Amino acid sequence: TLARDVLVDVATNGVTDAECARAKGSLRGGLVLGLEDSASRMN
């Protein structure tokens, strides 16, 4: 029930600007950190 409530809320009301900014920062940081070794770049 809680999981569905979260999904319904996001579908109805969306995410906030702050959440979007934090998510983008997390993706950018994860990408850079994930490419620190040659195997990741190869993949």
PDB file of all heavy atoms in Angstrom:
ATOM      1  N   THR A   1       0.823  -1.206   0.000  1.00  0.00           N
ATOM      2  CA  THR A   1       0.000   0.000   0.000  1.00  0.00           C
ATOM      3  C   THR A   1       0.859   1.259   0.000  1.00  0.00           C
ATOM      4  O   THR A   1       0.583   2.219  -0.735  1.00  0.00           O
ATOM      5  CB  THR A   1      -0.935   0.002   1.221  1.00  0.00           C
ATOM      6  OG1 THR A   1      -1.787  -1.145   1.157  1.00  0.00           O
ATOM      7  CG2 THR A   1      -1.786   1.261   1.254  1.00  0.00           C
ATOM      8  N   LEU A   2       1.900   1.270   0.823  1.00  0.00           N
ATOM      9  CA  LEU A   2       2.785   2.431   0.871  1.00  0.00           C
ATOM     10  C   LEU A   2       3.492   2.655  -0.461  1.00  0.00           C
ATOM     11  O   LEU A   2       3.613   3.799  -0.925  1.00  0.00           O
ATOM     12  CB  LEU A   2       3.814   2.254   1.985  1.00  0.00           C
ATOM     13  CG  LEU A   2       3.284   2.360   3.416  1.00  0.00           C
ATOM     14  CD1 LEU A   2       4.350   1.892   4.404  1.00  0.00           C
ATOM     15  CD2 LEU A   2       2.879   3.806   3.723  1.00  0.00           C
ATOM     16  N   ALA A   3       3.965   1.579  -1.078  1.00  0.00           N
ATOM     17  CA  ALA A   3       4.656   1.701  -2.365  1.00  0.00           C
ATOM     18  C   ALA A   3       3.707   2.263  -3.423  1.00  0.00           C
ATOM     19  O   ALA A   3       4.078   3.149  -4.206  1.00  0.00           O
ATOM     20  CB  ALA A   3       5.211   0.355  -2.797  1.00  0.00           C
ATOM     21  N   ARG A   4       2.494   1.736  -3.442  1.00  0.00           N
ATOM     22  CA  ARG A   4       1.528   2.245  -4.421  1.00  0.00           C
ATOM     23  C   ARG A   4       1.208   3.711  -4.145  1.00  0.00           C
ATOM     24  O   ARG A   4       1.086   4.505  -5.078  1.00  0.00           O
ATOM     25  CB  ARG A   4       0.252   1.407  -4.404  1.00  0.00           C
ATOM     26  CG  ARG A   4      -0.802   1.996  -5.337  1.00  0.00           C
ATOM     27  CD  ARG A   4      -1.891   1.047  -5.734  1.00  0.00           C
ATOM     28  NE  ARG A   4      -2.857   1.727  -6.574  1.00  0.00           N
ATOM     29  CZ  ARG A   4      -2.691   1.994  -7.867  1.00  0.00           C
ATOM     30  NH1 ARG A   4      -1.578   1.622  -8.478  1.00  0.00           N
ATOM     31  NH2 ARG A   4      -3.617   2.621  -8.559  1.00  0.00           N
ATOM     32  N   ASP A   5       1.079   4.087  -2.889  1.00  0.00           N
ATOM     33  CA  ASP A   5       0.805   5.483  -2.563  1.00  0.00           C
ATOM     34  C   ASP A   5       1.909   6.401  -3.083  1.00  0.00           C
ATOM     35  O   ASP A   5       1.640   7.495  -3.588  1.00  0.00           O
ATOM     36  CB  ASP A   5       0.651   5.659  -1.051  1.00  0.00           C
ATOM     37  CG  ASP A   5      -0.656   5.070  -0.520  1.00  0.00           C
ATOM     38  OD1 ASP A   5      -1.535   4.745  -1.345  1.00  0.00           O
ATOM     39  OD2 ASP A   5      -0.772   4.921   0.710  1.00  0.00           O
ATOM     40  N   VAL A   6       3.147   5.956  -2.957  1.00  0.00           N
ATOM     41  CA  VAL A   6       4.269   6.747  -3.463  1.00  0.00           C
ATOM     42  C   VAL A   6       4.173   6.900  -4.973  1.00  0.00           C
ATOM     43  O   VAL A   6       4.318   8.004  -5.526  1.00  0.00           O
ATOM     44  CB  VAL A   6       5.614   6.104  -3.071  1.00  0.00           C
ATOM     45  CG1 VAL A   6       6.769   6.750  -3.834  1.00  0.00           C
ATOM     46  CG2 VAL A   6       5.851   6.226  -1.578  1.00  0.00           C
ATOM     47  N   LEU A   7       3.914   5.802  -5.672  1.00  0.00           N
ATOM     48  CA  LEU A   7       3.842   5.851  -7.136  1.00  0.00           C
ATOM     49  C   LEU A   7       2.667   6.705  -7.602  1.00  0.00           C
ATOM     50  O   LEU A   7       2.792   7.479  -8.557  1.00  0.00           O
ATOM     51  CB  LEU A   7       3.728   4.435  -7.691  1.00  0.00           C
ATOM     52  CG  LEU A   7       4.935   3.531  -7.440  1.00  0.00           C
ATOM     53  CD1 LEU A   7       4.673   2.133  -7.993  1.00  0.00           C
ATOM     54  CD2 LEU A   7       6.205   4.106  -8.055  1.00  0.00           C
ATOM     55  N   VAL A   8       1.532   6.581  -6.935  1.00  0.00           N
ATOM     56  CA  VAL A   8       0.359   7.380  -7.303  1.00  0.00           C
ATOM     57  C   VAL A   8       0.631   8.855  -7.057  1.00  0.00           C
ATOM     58  O   VAL A   8       0.273   9.717  -7.871  1.00  0.00           O
ATOM     59  CB  VAL A   8      -0.881   6.907  -6.520  1.00  0.00           C
ATOM     60  CG1 VAL A   8      -2.034   7.907  -6.682  1.00  0.00           C
ATOM     61  CG2 VAL A   8      -1.320   5.534  -6.996  1.00  0.00           C
ATOM     62  N   ASP A   9       1.281   9.161  -5.953  1.00  0.00           N
ATOM     63  CA  ASP A   9       1.584  10.563  -5.642  1.00  0.00           C
ATOM     64  C   ASP A   9       2.531  11.160  -6.676  1.00  0.00           C
ATOM     65  O   ASP A   9       2.342  12.303  -7.120  1.00  0.00           O
ATOM     66  CB  ASP A   9       2.190  10.671  -4.242  1.00  0.00           C
ATOM     67  CG  ASP A   9       2.471  12.112  -3.858  1.00  0.00           C
ATOM     68  OD1 ASP A   9       1.518  12.915  -3.800  1.00  0.00           O
ATOM     69  OD2 ASP A   9       3.653  12.445  -3.634  1.00  0.00           O
ATOM     70  N   VAL A  10       3.548  10.390  -7.071  1.00  0.00           N
ATOM     71  CA  VAL A  10       4.486  10.894  -8.076  1.00  0.00           C
ATOM     72  C   VAL A  10       3.787  11.061  -9.420  1.00  0.00           C
ATOM     73  O   VAL A  10       4.014  12.038 -10.140  1.00  0.00           O
ATOM     74  CB  VAL A  10       5.701   9.949  -8.200  1.00  0.00           C
ATOM     75  CG1 VAL A  10       6.587  10.362  -9.369  1.00  0.00           C
ATOM     76  CG2 VAL A  10       6.516   9.952  -6.912  1.00  0.00           C
ATOM     77  N   ALA A  11       2.921  10.110  -9.773  1.00  0.00           N
ATOM     78  CA  ALA A  11       2.191  10.215 -11.035  1.00  0.00           C
ATOM     79  C   ALA A  11       1.253  11.421 -11.041  1.00  0.00           C
ATOM     80  O   ALA A  11       1.075  12.088 -12.066  1.00  0.00           O
ATOM     81  CB  ALA A  11       1.394   8.939 -11.291  1.00  0.00           C
ATOM     82  N   THR A  12       0.657  11.713  -9.889  1.00  0.00           N
ATOM     83  CA  THR A  12      -0.339  12.785  -9.800  1.00  0.00           C
ATOM     84  C   THR A  12       0.305  14.152  -9.574  1.00  0.00           C
ATOM     85  O   THR A  12      -0.037  15.133 -10.250  1.00  0.00           O
ATOM     86  CB  THR A  12      -1.328  12.500  -8.658  1.00  0.00           C
ATOM     87  OG1 THR A  12      -1.921  11.214  -8.860  1.00  0.00           O
ATOM     88  CG2 THR A  12      -2.410  13.566  -8.603  1.00  0.00           C
ATOM     89  N   ASN A  13       1.226  14.202  -8.626  1.00  0.00           N
ATOM     90  CA  ASN A  13       1.787  15.494  -8.216  1.00  0.00           C
ATOM     91  C   ASN A  13       3.215  15.722  -8.691  1.00  0.00           C
ATOM     92  O   ASN A  13       3.727  16.835  -8.585  1.00  0.00           O
ATOM     93  CB  ASN A  13       1.736  15.613  -6.691  1.00  0.00           C
ATOM     94  CG  ASN A  13       0.320  15.478  -6.163  1.00  0.00           C
ATOM     95  OD1 ASN A  13      -0.596  16.115  -6.670  1.00  0.00           O
ATOM     96  ND2 ASN A  13       0.133  14.647  -5.147  1.00  0.00           N
ATOM     97  N   GLY A  14       3.857  14.668  -9.171  1.00  0.00           N
ATOM     98  CA  GLY A  14       5.216  14.813  -9.668  1.00  0.00           C
ATOM     99  C   GLY A  14       6.257  14.907  -8.578  1.00  0.00           C
ATOM    100  O   GLY A  14       5.963  14.785  -7.386  1.00  0.00           O
ATOM    101  N   VAL A  15       7.488  15.098  -8.999  1.00  0.00           N
ATOM    102  CA  VAL A  15       8.584  15.336  -8.068  1.00  0.00           C
ATOM    103  C   VAL A  15       8.840  16.833  -7.998  1.00  0.00           C
ATOM    104  O   VAL A  15       8.466  17.588  -8.902  1.00  0.00           O
ATOM    105  CB  VAL A  15       9.869  14.593  -8.505  1.00  0.00           C
ATOM    106  CG1 VAL A  15       9.635  13.098  -8.567  1.00  0.00           C
ATOM    107  CG2 VAL A  15      10.375  15.107  -9.848  1.00  0.00           C
ATOM    108  N   THR A  16       9.473  17.263  -6.947  1.00  0.00           N
ATOM    109  CA  THR A  16       9.738  18.691  -6.771  1.00  0.00           C
ATOM    110  C   THR A  16      11.011  19.091  -7.502  1.00  0.00           C
ATOM    111  O   THR A  16      11.818  18.243  -7.912  1.00  0.00           O
ATOM    112  CB  THR A  16       9.888  19.031  -5.279  1.00  0.00           C
ATOM    113  OG1 THR A  16      11.068  18.372  -4.773  1.00  0.00           O
ATOM    114  CG2 THR A  16       8.671  18.567  -4.483  1.00  0.00           C
ATOM    115  N   ASP A  17      11.201  20.391  -7.642  1.00  0.00           N
ATOM    116  CA  ASP A  17      12.437  20.891  -8.252  1.00  0.00           C
ATOM    117  C   ASP A  17      13.655  20.451  -7.444  1.00  0.00           C
ATOM    118  O   ASP A  17      14.701  20.115  -8.017  1.00  0.00           O
ATOM    119  CB  ASP A  17      12.404  22.416  -8.336  1.00  0.00           C
ATOM    120  CG  ASP A  17      11.405  22.931  -9.367  1.00  0.00           C
ATOM    121  OD1 ASP A  17      11.106  22.180 -10.327  1.00  0.00           O
ATOM    122  OD2 ASP A  17      10.927  24.069  -9.212  1.00  0.00           O
ATOM    123  N   ALA A  18      13.514  20.455  -6.126  1.00  0.00           N
ATOM    124  CA  ALA A  18      14.631  20.054  -5.270  1.00  0.00           C
ATOM    125  C   ALA A  18      14.965  18.575  -5.465  1.00  0.00           C
ATOM    126  O   ALA A  18      16.136  18.195  -5.539  1.00  0.00           O
ATOM    127  CB  ALA A  18      14.299  20.339  -3.804  1.00  0.00           C
ATOM    128  N   GLU A  19      13.936  17.737  -5.546  1.00  0.00           N
ATOM    129  CA  GLU A  19      14.173  16.310  -5.777  1.00  0.00           C
ATOM    130  C   GLU A  19      14.819  16.075  -7.130  1.00  0.00           C
ATOM    131  O   GLU A  19      15.717  15.234  -7.271  1.00  0.00           O
ATOM    132  CB  GLU A  19      12.848  15.546  -5.687  1.00  0.00           C
ATOM    133  CG  GLU A  19      12.311  15.380  -4.277  1.00  0.00           C
ATOM    134  CD  GLU A  19      10.979  14.679  -4.261  1.00  0.00           C
ATOM    135  OE1 GLU A  19      10.109  15.021  -5.090  1.00  0.00           O
ATOM    136  OE2 GLU A  19      10.782  13.787  -3.408  1.00  0.00           O
ATOM    137  N   CYS A  20      14.366  16.806  -8.127  1.00  0.00           N
ATOM    138  CA  CYS A  20      14.937  16.667  -9.464  1.00  0.00           C
ATOM    139  C   CYS A  20      16.409  17.065  -9.459  1.00  0.00           C
ATOM    140  O   CYS A  20      17.254  16.368 -10.037  1.00  0.00           O
ATOM    141  CB  CYS A  20      14.150  17.524 -10.455  1.00  0.00           C
ATOM    142  SG  CYS A  20      14.673  17.344 -12.170  1.00  0.00           S
ATOM    143  N   ALA A  21      16.726  18.164  -8.809  1.00  0.00           N
ATOM    144  CA  ALA A  21      18.115  18.628  -8.754  1.00  0.00           C
ATOM    145  C   ALA A  21      18.999  17.627  -8.018  1.00  0.00           C
ATOM    146  O   ALA A  21      20.133  17.337  -8.452  1.00  0.00           O
ATOM    147  CB  ALA A  21      18.174  19.990  -8.078  1.00  0.00           C
ATOM    148  N   ARG A  22      18.504  17.081  -6.905  1.00  0.00           N
ATOM    149  CA  ARG A  22      19.289  16.096  -6.161  1.00  0.00           C
ATOM    150  C   ARG A  22      19.488  14.822  -6.960  1.00  0.00           C
ATOM    151  O   ARG A  22      20.553  14.209  -6.942  1.00  0.00           O
ATOM    152  CB  ARG A  22      18.612  15.772  -4.829  1.00  0.00           C
ATOM    153  CG  ARG A  22      18.761  16.860  -3.772  1.00  0.00           C
ATOM    154  CD  ARG A  22      18.429  16.355  -2.390  1.00  0.00           C
ATOM    155  NE  ARG A  22      17.060  15.885  -2.299  1.00  0.00           N
ATOM    156  CZ  ARG A  22      16.707  14.674  -1.918  1.00  0.00           C
ATOM    157  NH1 ARG A  22      17.628  13.772  -1.624  1.00  0.00           N
ATOM    158  NH2 ARG A  22      15.430  14.329  -1.835  1.00  0.00           N
ATOM    159  N   ALA A  23      18.439  14.410  -7.683  1.00  0.00           N
ATOM    160  CA  ALA A  23      18.542  13.198  -8.495  1.00  0.00           C
ATOM    161  C   ALA A  23      19.558  13.382  -9.614  1.00  0.00           C
ATOM    162  O   ALA A  23      20.348  12.474  -9.906  1.00  0.00           O
ATOM    163  CB  ALA A  23      17.169  12.838  -9.065  1.00  0.00           C
ATOM    164  N   LYS A  24      19.549  14.524 -10.245  1.00  0.00           N
ATOM    165  CA  LYS A  24      20.518  14.788 -11.313  1.00  0.00           C
ATOM    166  C   LYS A  24      21.935  14.804 -10.753  1.00  0.00           C
ATOM    167  O   LYS A  24      22.865  14.271 -11.373  1.00  0.00           O
ATOM    168  CB  LYS A  24      20.196  16.107 -12.012  1.00  0.00           C
ATOM    169  CG  LYS A  24      18.923  16.060 -12.824  1.00  0.00           C
ATOM    170  CD  LYS A  24      18.787  17.248 -13.765  1.00  0.00           C
ATOM    171  CE  LYS A  24      18.648  18.560 -13.046  1.00  0.00           C
ATOM    172  NZ  LYS A  24      18.428  19.683 -14.000  1.00  0.00           N
ATOM    173  N   GLY A  25      22.100  15.398  -9.587  1.00  0.00           N
ATOM    174  CA  GLY A  25      23.416  15.405  -8.956  1.00  0.00           C
ATOM    175  C   GLY A  25      23.891  14.008  -8.623  1.00  0.00           C
ATOM    176  O   GLY A  25      25.072  13.670  -8.802  1.00  0.00           O
ATOM    177  N   SER A  26      22.966  13.169  -8.158  1.00  0.00           N
ATOM    178  CA  SER A  26      23.321  11.787  -7.840  1.00  0.00           C
ATOM    179  C   SER A  26      23.722  11.015  -9.096  1.00  0.00           C
ATOM    180  O   SER A  26      24.702  10.255  -9.085  1.00  0.00           O
ATOM    181  CB  SER A  26      22.130  11.100  -7.164  1.00  0.00           C
ATOM    182  OG  SER A  26      22.403   9.744  -6.902  1.00  0.00           O
ATOM    183  N   LEU A  27      22.997  11.206 -10.186  1.00  0.00           N
ATOM    184  CA  LEU A  27      23.320  10.529 -11.438  1.00  0.00           C
ATOM    185  C   LEU A  27      24.682  10.975 -11.973  1.00  0.00           C
ATOM    186  O   LEU A  27      25.487  10.156 -12.424  1.00  0.00           O
ATOM    187  CB  LEU A  27      22.243  10.810 -12.482  1.00  0.00           C
ATOM    188  CG  LEU A  27      20.933  10.043 -12.344  1.00  0.00           C
ATOM    189  CD1 LEU A  27      19.901  10.587 -13.327  1.00  0.00           C
ATOM    190  CD2 LEU A  27      21.158   8.558 -12.588  1.00  0.00           C
ATOM    191  N   ARG A  28      24.913  12.267 -11.932  1.00  0.00           N
ATOM    192  CA  ARG A  28      26.181  12.793 -12.443  1.00  0.00           C
ATOM    193  C   ARG A  28      27.355  12.273 -11.616  1.00  0.00           C
ATOM    194  O   ARG A  28      28.381  11.833 -12.151  1.00  0.00           O
ATOM    195  CB  ARG A  28      26.151  14.333 -12.421  1.00  0.00           C
ATOM    196  CG  ARG A  28      25.283  14.945 -13.507  1.00  0.00           C
ATOM    197  CD  ARG A  28      24.970  16.413 -13.220  1.00  0.00           C
ATOM    198  NE  ARG A  28      26.174  17.189 -12.968  1.00  0.00           N
ATOM    199  CZ  ARG A  28      26.890  17.779 -13.927  1.00  0.00           C
ATOM    200  NH1 ARG A  28      26.505  17.682 -15.189  1.00  0.00           N
ATOM    201  NH2 ARG A  28      27.970  18.475 -13.636  1.00  0.00           N
ATOM    202  N   GLY A  29      27.209  12.317 -10.287  1.00  0.00           N
ATOM    203  CA  GLY A  29      28.277  11.819  -9.430  1.00  0.00           C
ATOM    204  C   GLY A  29      28.510  10.337  -9.601  1.00  0.00           C
ATOM    205  O   GLY A  29      29.656   9.872  -9.650  1.00  0.00           O
ATOM    206  N   GLY A  30      27.422   9.565  -9.726  1.00  0.00           N
ATOM    207  CA  GLY A  30      27.557   8.126  -9.918  1.00  0.00           C
ATOM    208  C   GLY A  30      28.239   7.780 -11.217  1.00  0.00           C
ATOM    209  O   GLY A  30      29.025   6.822 -11.285  1.00  0.00           O
ATOM    210  N   LEU A  31      27.941   8.551 -12.271  1.00  0.00           N
ATOM    211  CA  LEU A  31      28.570   8.298 -13.569  1.00  0.00           C
ATOM    212  C   LEU A  31      30.076   8.517 -13.497  1.00  0.00           C
ATOM    213  O   LEU A  31      30.863   7.687 -13.953  1.00  0.00           O
ATOM    214  CB  LEU A  31      27.956   9.220 -14.623  1.00  0.00           C
ATOM    215  CG  LEU A  31      28.633   9.195 -15.999  1.00  0.00           C
ATOM    216  CD1 LEU A  31      28.506   7.814 -16.634  1.00  0.00           C
ATOM    217  CD2 LEU A  31      28.028  10.260 -16.913  1.00  0.00           C
ATOM    218  N   VAL A  32      30.477   9.612 -12.912  1.00  0.00           N
ATOM    219  CA  VAL A  32      31.904   9.928 -12.834  1.00  0.00           C
ATOM    220  C   VAL A  32      32.640   8.910 -11.968  1.00  0.00           C
ATOM    221  O   VAL A  32      33.695   8.388 -12.344  1.00  0.00           O
ATOM    222  CB  VAL A  32      32.111  11.357 -12.293  1.00  0.00           C
ATOM    223  CG1 VAL A  32      33.588  11.628 -12.048  1.00  0.00           C
ATOM    224  CG2 VAL A  32      31.543  12.379 -13.282  1.00  0.00           C
ATOM    225  N   LEU A  33      32.077   8.602 -10.799  1.00  0.00           N
ATOM    226  CA  LEU A  33      32.725   7.633  -9.909  1.00  0.00           C
ATOM    227  C   LEU A  33      32.762   6.238 -10.529  1.00  0.00           C
ATOM    228  O   LEU A  33      33.717   5.485 -10.322  1.00  0.00           O
ATOM    229  CB  LEU A  33      31.990   7.583  -8.562  1.00  0.00           C
ATOM    230  CG  LEU A  33      32.125   8.819  -7.677  1.00  0.00           C
ATOM    231  CD1 LEU A  33      31.236   8.687  -6.445  1.00  0.00           C
ATOM    232  CD2 LEU A  33      33.579   9.029  -7.254  1.00  0.00           C
ATOM    233  N   GLY A  34      31.728   5.913 -11.295  1.00  0.00           N
ATOM    234  CA  GLY A  34      31.670   4.593 -11.894  1.00  0.00           C
ATOM    235  C   GLY A  34      32.634   4.379 -13.030  1.00  0.00           C
ATOM    236  O   GLY A  34      32.826   3.250 -13.491  1.00  0.00           O
ATOM    237  N   LEU A  35      33.247   5.443 -13.517  1.00  0.00           N
ATOM    238  CA  LEU A  35      34.192   5.323 -14.639  1.00  0.00           C
ATOM    239  C   LEU A  35      35.634   5.504 -14.193  1.00  0.00           C
ATOM    240  O   LEU A  35      36.501   5.838 -15.001  1.00  0.00           O
ATOM    241  CB  LEU A  35      33.839   6.352 -15.718  1.00  0.00           C
ATOM    242  CG  LEU A  35      32.493   6.135 -16.429  1.00  0.00           C
ATOM    243  CD1 LEU A  35      32.226   7.261 -17.412  1.00  0.00           C
ATOM    244  CD2 LEU A  35      32.475   4.791 -17.135  1.00  0.00           C
ATOM    245  N   GLU A  36      35.886   5.261 -12.909  1.00  0.00           N
ATOM    246  CA  GLU A  36      37.248   5.448 -12.407  1.00  0.00           C
ATOM    247  C   GLU A  36      38.163   4.285 -12.755  1.00  0.00           C
ATOM    248  O   GLU A  36      39.375   4.401 -12.613  1.00  0.00           O
ATOM    249  CB  GLU A  36      37.219   5.652 -10.889  1.00  0.00           C
ATOM    250  CG  GLU A  36      36.674   7.020 -10.482  1.00  0.00           C
ATOM    251  CD  GLU A  36      36.839   7.274  -8.997  1.00  0.00           C
ATOM    252  OE1 GLU A  36      36.925   6.294  -8.239  1.00  0.00           O
ATOM    253  OE2 GLU A  36      36.882   8.451  -8.604  1.00  0.00           O
ATOM    254  N   ASP A  37      37.611   3.151 -13.190  1.00  0.00           N
ATOM    255  CA  ASP A  37      38.470   2.026 -13.559  1.00  0.00           C
ATOM    256  C   ASP A  37      38.272   1.695 -15.038  1.00  0.00           C
ATOM    257  O   ASP A  37      37.248   2.006 -15.641  1.00  0.00           O
ATOM    258  CB  ASP A  37      38.168   0.804 -12.693  1.00  0.00           C
ATOM    259  CG  ASP A  37      36.741   0.309 -12.871  1.00  0.00           C
ATOM    260  OD1 ASP A  37      35.848   0.825 -12.174  1.00  0.00           O
ATOM    261  OD2 ASP A  37      36.529  -0.564 -13.717  1.00  0.00           O
ATOM    262  N   SER A  38      39.254   1.042 -15.610  1.00  0.00           N
ATOM    263  CA  SER A  38      39.239   0.757 -17.048  1.00  0.00           C
ATOM    264  C   SER A  38      38.114  -0.195 -17.436  1.00  0.00           C
ATOM    265  O   SER A  38      37.539  -0.079 -18.525  1.00  0.00           O
ATOM    266  CB  SER A  38      40.588   0.164 -17.481  1.00  0.00           C
ATOM    267  OG  SER A  38      41.629   1.100 -17.288  1.00  0.00           O
ATOM    268  N   ALA A  39      37.787  -1.154 -16.567  1.00  0.00           N
ATOM    269  CA  ALA A  39      36.727  -2.109 -16.895  1.00  0.00           C
ATOM    270  C   ALA A  39      35.394  -1.395 -17.102  1.00  0.00           C
ATOM    271  O   ALA A  39      34.632  -1.745 -18.017  1.00  0.00           O
ATOM    272  CB  ALA A  39      36.611  -3.150 -15.787  1.00  0.00           C
ATOM    273  N   SER A  40      35.097  -0.397 -16.287  1.00  0.00           N
ATOM    274  CA  SER A  40      33.847   0.345 -16.430  1.00  0.00           C
ATOM    275  C   SER A  40      33.817   1.116 -17.745  1.00  0.00           C
ATOM    276  O   SER A  40      32.789   1.162 -18.436  1.00  0.00           O
ATOM    277  CB  SER A  40      33.658   1.309 -15.258  1.00  0.00           C
ATOM    278  OG  SER A  40      33.542   0.606 -14.041  1.00  0.00           O
ATOM    279  N   ARG A  41      34.939   1.709 -18.094  1.00  0.00           N
ATOM    280  CA  ARG A  41      34.994   2.444 -19.364  1.00  0.00           C
ATOM    281  C   ARG A  41      34.872   1.493 -20.551  1.00  0.00           C
ATOM    282  O   ARG A  41      34.228   1.804 -21.550  1.00  0.00           O
ATOM    283  CB  ARG A  41      36.291   3.260 -19.439  1.00  0.00           C
ATOM    284  CG  ARG A  41      36.303   4.413 -18.460  1.00  0.00           C
ATOM    285  CD  ARG A  41      37.575   5.236 -18.552  1.00  0.00           C
ATOM    286  NE  ARG A  41      37.503   6.377 -17.655  1.00  0.00           N
ATOM    287  CZ  ARG A  41      37.050   7.587 -17.993  1.00  0.00           C
ATOM    288  NH1 ARG A  41      36.633   7.804 -19.228  1.00  0.00           N
ATOM    289  NH2 ARG A  41      37.017   8.572 -17.116  1.00  0.00           N
ATOM    290  N   MET A  42      35.481   0.330 -20.423  1.00  0.00           N
ATOM    291  CA  MET A  42      35.377  -0.671 -21.481  1.00  0.00           C
ATOM    292  C   MET A  42      33.921  -1.089 -21.665  1.00  0.00           C
ATOM    293  O   MET A  42      33.425  -1.155 -22.793  1.00  0.00           O
ATOM    294  CB  MET A  42      36.228  -1.887 -21.119  1.00  0.00           C
ATOM    295  CG  MET A  42      36.087  -3.072 -22.071  1.00  0.00           C
ATOM    296  SD  MET A  42      36.845  -4.562 -21.394  1.00  0.00           S
ATOM    297  CE  MET A  42      35.712  -4.929 -20.042  1.00  0.00           C
ATOM    298  N   ASN A  43      33.231  -1.369 -20.569  1.00  0.00           N
ATOM    299  CA  ASN A  43      31.828  -1.752 -20.656  1.00  0.00           C
ATOM    300  C   ASN A  43      30.969  -0.639 -21.234  1.00  0.00           C
ATOM    301  O   ASN A  43      30.029  -0.889 -21.999  1.00  0.00           O
ATOM    302  CB  ASN A  43      31.306  -2.157 -19.277  1.00  0.00           C
ATOM    303  CG  ASN A  43      31.738  -3.555 -18.878  1.00  0.00           C
ATOM    304  OD1 ASN A  43      31.617  -4.488 -19.655  1.00  0.00           O
ATOM    305  ND2 ASN A  43      32.261  -3.706 -17.673  1.00  0.00           N
TER     306      ASN A  43
END
